[in-house]
Amino acid sequence: MDIKLKIWRQASSEEKGSFQTYDMNGVEEDMSFLEMLDVLNEKLLRENKDPLSFSHDCREGICGACGVMINGRAHGPLQKITTCQLHMRHLKKYKTLVIEPWRAQAFPVIKDLVVDRHSFDRIQQAGGYVSVNTGSVPDANAILIGKHIADEAFQAASCLGCGACVAACPNASATLFLSAKISHLALLPQGQPEKYRVESMLQAMDKEGFGNCSNAGACEFECPKGISLKNIAKMNREYMEALFKASLEEHPTPAHHGKGDEDAHLSHPKATHDVHEK
């Protein structure tokens, strides 16, 4: 098959980029998309031109490092696969492929199709831990977890952190990624003692420059693992619960010190002052 590639080329984050066009003739249908880019790079090297930079690692649909935009779709036109699992036979109907890096302020372009996704790492570092003393590591089967809870946690944990949700979102929001990480840790008993994880991670996300959730649903649609929007709802519940707990700690009421509601108004300093004035 013959195909025309319109690829974003950018020498560095400091320089302006532009689209360059390449004609690829005789592309085999059974090639993966990344193998086709390998062939392009071999051609460029033979012509003494700078090869195309693109991210990849496992090429088995596990790591998510290979993500790019193909004709405006994150990871390409097929759902629930990564770019490395996309084959050229799935692209036969296209005469031209427009290939771009993830477009987001928090994902600055390093070179060509390679973007810096360390912002995801910093978000996870902000809350992906338990700060309480948990003792030694228990046996794997020592804590009983219901199957439906384990299934939900595993589904959330399957997030690759590839950034497709950010690239697909009109506001470049990382909410789906963040909610998957929070849900995974909040569902399991090992992660539940960390009460304010959601606040720390949300603040880290805002600091990185990601946008607000638009509820467009494009993130779930383009996610190679099909991470559900239900995780965002759970994250919101976790956030409201964390705010409520924080308000109780900052402004504790007598009821939270073991006193009943009937004498709470007499025990509160302001209420006692009012009674004395009367």
Protein backbone atom coordinates (compact mmCIF):
# COMPACT_ATOMS: atom_id res chain seq x y z
CA MET A 1 0.00 0.00 0.00
CA ASP A 2 1.09 3.58 -0.73
CA ILE A 3 0.45 6.26 1.83
CA LYS A 4 1.37 9.87 2.48
CA LEU A 5 2.56 10.86 5.97
CA LYS A 6 2.14 14.38 7.28
CA ILE A 7 4.25 14.38 10.45
CA TRP A 8 4.96 17.07 13.02
CA ARG A 9 8.68 17.79 13.16
CA GLN A 10 10.15 19.94 15.93
CA ALA A 11 13.85 20.02 16.73
CA SER A 12 13.39 20.95 20.40
CA SER A 13 10.97 22.50 22.86
CA GLU A 14 12.56 25.91 22.27
CA GLU A 15 12.10 25.87 18.50
CA LYS A 16 8.97 26.13 16.40
CA GLY A 17 7.74 23.03 14.66
CA SER A 18 5.96 22.34 11.40
CA PHE A 19 4.43 19.51 9.41
CA GLN A 20 6.66 17.66 6.95
CA THR A 21 5.28 15.39 4.24
CA TYR A 22 6.74 11.98 3.36
CA ASP A 23 5.63 9.50 0.71
CA MET A 24 5.72 5.88 1.78
CA ASN A 25 5.38 3.35 -1.04
CA GLY A 26 5.06 -0.40 -0.74
CA VAL A 27 4.05 -0.42 2.93
CA GLU A 28 3.06 -3.92 4.01
CA GLU A 29 -0.40 -4.22 5.53
CA ASP A 30 0.84 -6.49 8.31
CA MET A 31 3.34 -3.91 9.55
CA SER A 32 2.54 -2.29 12.85
CA PHE A 33 2.31 1.49 12.84
CA LEU A 34 5.63 1.79 14.65
CA GLU A 35 7.31 -0.63 12.24
CA MET A 36 6.17 1.64 9.44
CA LEU A 37 7.85 4.56 11.24
CA ASP A 38 11.00 2.43 11.56
CA VAL A 39 10.99 1.97 7.78
CA LEU A 40 10.57 5.73 7.37
CA ASN A 41 13.58 6.35 9.59
CA GLU A 42 15.69 3.90 7.59
CA LYS A 43 14.74 5.82 4.47
CA LEU A 44 15.62 9.17 6.09
CA LEU A 45 18.99 7.86 7.24
CA ARG A 46 19.81 6.66 3.73
CA GLU A 47 19.02 10.17 2.54
CA ASN A 48 21.26 11.67 5.26
CA LYS A 49 18.27 13.33 6.92
CA ASP A 50 17.41 13.60 10.61
CA PRO A 51 15.34 10.54 11.62
CA LEU A 52 11.97 10.96 13.28
CA SER A 53 11.92 10.85 17.07
CA PHE A 54 9.02 8.98 18.64
CA SER A 55 8.49 7.26 21.99
CA HIS A 56 8.17 3.50 22.40
CA ASP A 57 9.27 0.79 24.77
CA CYS A 58 7.53 -2.58 25.08
CA ARG A 59 5.64 -2.54 21.75
CA GLU A 60 3.23 -4.98 23.36
CA GLY A 61 0.46 -2.60 24.46
CA ILE A 62 1.63 -2.60 28.08
CA CYS A 63 3.57 0.60 28.76
CA GLY A 64 1.66 3.24 26.75
CA ALA A 65 4.84 5.11 25.85
CA CYS A 66 4.03 5.00 22.13
CA GLY A 67 1.05 7.37 22.19
CA VAL A 68 0.61 9.83 19.32
CA MET A 69 -2.32 11.51 17.56
CA ILE A 70 -3.22 9.87 14.24
CA ASN A 71 -5.70 11.82 12.11
CA GLY A 72 -6.94 13.59 15.23
CA ARG A 73 -7.42 10.42 17.29
CA ALA A 74 -5.30 9.42 20.27
CA HIS A 75 -3.60 6.08 19.46
CA GLY A 76 -5.39 5.99 16.12
CA PRO A 77 -8.88 5.11 14.88
CA LEU A 78 -9.36 1.86 16.81
CA GLN A 79 -10.57 1.78 20.39
CA LYS A 80 -8.86 0.15 23.37
CA ILE A 81 -5.46 -0.34 21.77
CA THR A 82 -2.19 1.53 22.01
CA THR A 83 -0.39 2.93 18.98
CA CYS A 84 2.08 0.04 18.85
CA GLN A 85 -0.80 -2.44 18.46
CA LEU A 86 -2.25 -0.57 15.48
CA HIS A 87 -1.44 -2.21 12.14
CA MET A 88 -1.34 -0.63 8.73
CA ARG A 89 -4.19 -2.84 7.49
CA HIS A 90 -6.44 -0.85 9.82
CA LEU A 91 -5.42 2.33 7.99
CA LYS A 92 -5.95 1.20 4.39
CA LYS A 93 -8.84 3.61 3.83
CA TYR A 94 -6.66 6.67 4.53
CA LYS A 95 -4.58 8.18 1.75
CA THR A 96 -2.90 10.59 4.18
CA LEU A 97 -2.01 10.12 7.83
CA VAL A 98 -1.56 13.24 9.96
CA ILE A 99 0.68 12.32 12.90
CA GLU A 100 1.11 14.67 15.86
CA PRO A 101 2.39 14.53 19.44
CA TRP A 102 0.09 14.93 22.45
CA ARG A 103 -1.06 18.55 22.58
CA ALA A 104 -1.10 19.88 26.16
CA GLN A 105 0.65 22.59 28.14
CA ALA A 106 1.63 20.01 30.73
CA PHE A 107 3.15 17.76 28.02
CA PRO A 108 5.82 19.98 26.41
CA VAL A 109 7.31 18.64 23.20
CA ILE A 110 10.89 17.39 23.59
CA LYS A 111 11.45 16.54 19.93
CA ASP A 112 9.14 15.63 17.06
CA LEU A 113 6.54 13.22 18.51
CA VAL A 114 8.21 12.87 21.91
CA VAL A 115 6.63 14.77 24.81
CA ASP A 116 7.64 15.15 28.44
CA ARG A 117 5.11 13.25 30.60
CA HIS A 118 6.92 13.65 33.92
CA SER A 119 3.95 15.70 35.12
CA PHE A 120 2.09 12.40 35.57
CA ASP A 121 4.96 11.11 37.73
CA ARG A 122 4.83 14.19 39.92
CA ILE A 123 1.07 13.82 40.40
CA GLN A 124 1.51 10.23 41.53
CA GLN A 125 4.35 11.17 43.85
CA ALA A 126 2.07 13.73 45.50
CA GLY A 127 -0.27 11.07 46.86
CA GLY A 128 0.63 7.57 45.78
CA TYR A 129 1.76 6.43 49.21
CA VAL A 130 0.55 5.68 52.74
CA SER A 131 2.22 7.79 55.43
CA VAL A 132 0.95 5.83 58.46
CA ASN A 133 2.93 3.04 60.11
CA THR A 134 1.58 -0.16 58.57
CA GLY A 135 4.14 -2.55 60.04
CA SER A 136 5.68 -5.36 58.05
CA VAL A 137 4.25 -6.50 54.73
CA PRO A 138 1.36 -8.94 55.35
CA ASP A 139 0.82 -12.10 53.35
CA ALA A 140 -1.05 -11.60 50.09
CA ASN A 141 -4.13 -13.45 51.35
CA ALA A 142 -4.13 -12.00 54.89
CA ILE A 143 -6.58 -9.19 54.05
CA LEU A 144 -9.86 -10.38 52.59
CA ILE A 145 -11.15 -8.21 49.76
CA GLY A 146 -14.47 -8.73 48.03
CA LYS A 147 -14.21 -9.78 44.40
CA HIS A 148 -16.23 -6.84 43.07
CA ILE A 149 -13.96 -4.43 44.98
CA ALA A 150 -10.84 -6.20 43.73
CA ASP A 151 -12.17 -6.10 40.15
CA GLU A 152 -12.89 -2.37 40.36
CA ALA A 153 -9.46 -1.66 41.84
CA PHE A 154 -7.74 -3.77 39.20
CA GLN A 155 -9.62 -2.04 36.39
CA ALA A 156 -8.57 1.38 37.75
CA ALA A 157 -4.99 0.17 38.24
CA SER A 158 -4.80 -0.87 34.59
CA CYS A 159 -4.35 2.80 33.61
CA LEU A 160 -1.13 3.05 31.60
CA GLY A 161 -0.52 6.72 32.24
CA CYS A 162 -0.07 7.16 28.49
CA GLY A 163 -1.74 10.58 28.36
CA ALA A 164 -4.38 9.76 25.74
CA CYS A 165 -7.09 11.13 28.04
CA VAL A 166 -5.27 14.48 28.21
CA ALA A 167 -4.71 14.60 24.45
CA ALA A 168 -8.38 13.80 23.75
CA CYS A 169 -9.84 16.26 26.27
CA PRO A 170 -10.84 19.71 24.93
CA ASN A 171 -9.38 21.23 28.11
CA ALA A 172 -6.33 18.93 28.31
CA SER A 173 -7.53 17.65 31.68
CA ALA A 174 -5.80 14.78 33.49
CA THR A 175 -8.90 14.02 35.58
CA LEU A 176 -9.43 10.49 34.23
CA PHE A 177 -5.80 9.54 34.88
CA LEU A 178 -5.92 11.09 38.35
CA SER A 179 -9.25 9.48 39.25
CA ALA A 180 -7.96 6.05 38.20
CA LYS A 181 -4.96 6.35 40.51
CA ILE A 182 -7.09 7.64 43.40
CA SER A 183 -9.78 4.97 42.93
CA HIS A 184 -7.22 2.20 42.82
CA LEU A 185 -5.72 3.26 46.15
CA ALA A 186 -8.99 4.27 47.83
CA LEU A 187 -10.78 1.01 47.04
CA LEU A 188 -8.19 -1.23 48.69
CA PRO A 189 -7.78 -1.36 52.49
CA GLN A 190 -4.03 -0.83 52.18
CA GLY A 191 -4.56 2.64 50.72
CA GLN A 192 -7.56 3.80 52.74
CA PRO A 193 -5.68 5.14 55.81
CA GLU A 194 -4.28 8.03 53.71
CA LYS A 195 -7.20 10.47 54.16
CA TYR A 196 -6.00 13.51 52.21
CA ARG A 197 -4.41 11.83 49.18
CA VAL A 198 -7.02 13.25 46.84
CA GLU A 199 -6.35 16.83 47.93
CA SER A 200 -2.59 16.51 47.42
CA MET A 201 -2.95 14.93 43.99
CA LEU A 202 -5.55 17.44 42.80
CA GLN A 203 -3.31 20.31 43.88
CA ALA A 204 -0.40 18.70 42.04
CA MET A 205 -2.53 18.34 38.90
CA ASP A 206 -3.51 22.02 39.01
CA LYS A 207 0.11 23.01 39.57
CA GLU A 208 1.18 21.12 36.44
CA GLY A 209 -1.18 23.20 34.30
CA PHE A 210 -3.78 20.62 33.31
CA GLY A 211 -7.25 21.95 32.51
CA ASN A 212 -10.57 21.30 34.23
CA CYS A 213 -12.77 18.33 33.40
CA SER A 214 -15.29 19.20 30.70
CA ASN A 215 -17.42 16.03 31.06
CA ALA A 216 -17.09 15.54 27.30
CA GLY A 217 -16.33 11.83 27.75
CA ALA A 218 -13.63 11.79 25.06
CA CYS A 219 -11.11 10.59 27.65
CA GLU A 220 -12.96 7.33 28.32
CA PHE A 221 -13.63 6.84 24.60
CA GLU A 222 -9.95 7.16 23.66
CA CYS A 223 -8.44 5.40 26.68
CA PRO A 224 -6.64 2.22 25.51
CA LYS A 225 -7.74 0.46 28.70
CA GLY A 226 -11.29 1.80 28.76
CA ILE A 227 -10.95 3.46 32.17
CA SER A 228 -14.50 4.39 33.22
CA LEU A 229 -15.79 7.87 33.99
CA LYS A 230 -17.20 6.31 37.17
CA ASN A 231 -13.73 6.77 38.63
CA ILE A 232 -14.15 10.55 38.33
CA ALA A 233 -17.38 10.32 40.35
CA LYS A 234 -15.54 8.31 43.01
CA MET A 235 -12.72 10.86 43.05
CA ASN A 236 -15.26 13.64 43.63
CA ARG A 237 -16.76 11.70 46.54
CA GLU A 238 -13.30 11.13 48.00
CA TYR A 239 -12.59 14.85 47.67
CA MET A 240 -15.80 15.91 49.42
CA GLU A 241 -15.12 13.41 52.20
CA ALA A 242 -11.59 14.75 52.62
CA LEU A 243 -12.88 18.33 52.82
CA PHE A 244 -15.44 17.30 55.42
CA LYS A 245 -12.82 15.55 57.54
CA ALA A 246 -10.52 18.55 57.26
CA SER A 247 -13.30 20.90 58.38
CA LEU A 248 -13.92 18.73 61.45
CA GLU A 249 -10.24 18.78 62.39
CA GLU A 250 -9.96 22.55 61.94
CA HIS A 251 -13.25 23.33 63.68
CA PRO A 252 -14.03 20.37 65.95
CA THR A 253 -17.47 20.29 67.55
CA PRO A 254 -18.27 18.86 71.02
CA ALA A 255 -20.12 16.00 69.39
CA HIS A 256 -16.80 14.80 67.97
CA HIS A 257 -15.28 14.71 71.46
CA GLY A 258 -17.82 12.23 72.78
CA LYS A 259 -20.44 14.74 73.98
CA GLY A 260 -24.08 14.43 73.05
CA ASP A 261 -26.01 16.85 70.88
CA GLU A 262 -28.21 17.95 73.78
CA ASP A 263 -25.40 19.77 75.62
CA ALA A 264 -23.27 20.62 72.61
CA HIS A 265 -24.46 24.24 72.53
CA LEU A 266 -23.45 24.71 76.18
CA SER A 267 -19.97 23.27 75.67
CA HIS A 268 -19.00 25.34 72.63
CA PRO A 269 -17.05 28.45 73.77
CA LYS A 270 -19.14 30.85 71.71
CA ALA A 271 -22.41 29.29 72.88
CA THR A 272 -21.28 29.46 76.54
CA HIS A 273 -20.40 33.15 76.14
CA ASP A 274 -23.85 33.85 74.76
CA VAL A 275 -25.51 32.08 77.69
CA HIS A 276 -23.50 34.09 80.23
CA GLU A 277 -24.47 37.36 78.55
CA LYS A 278 -28.13 36.49 78.86
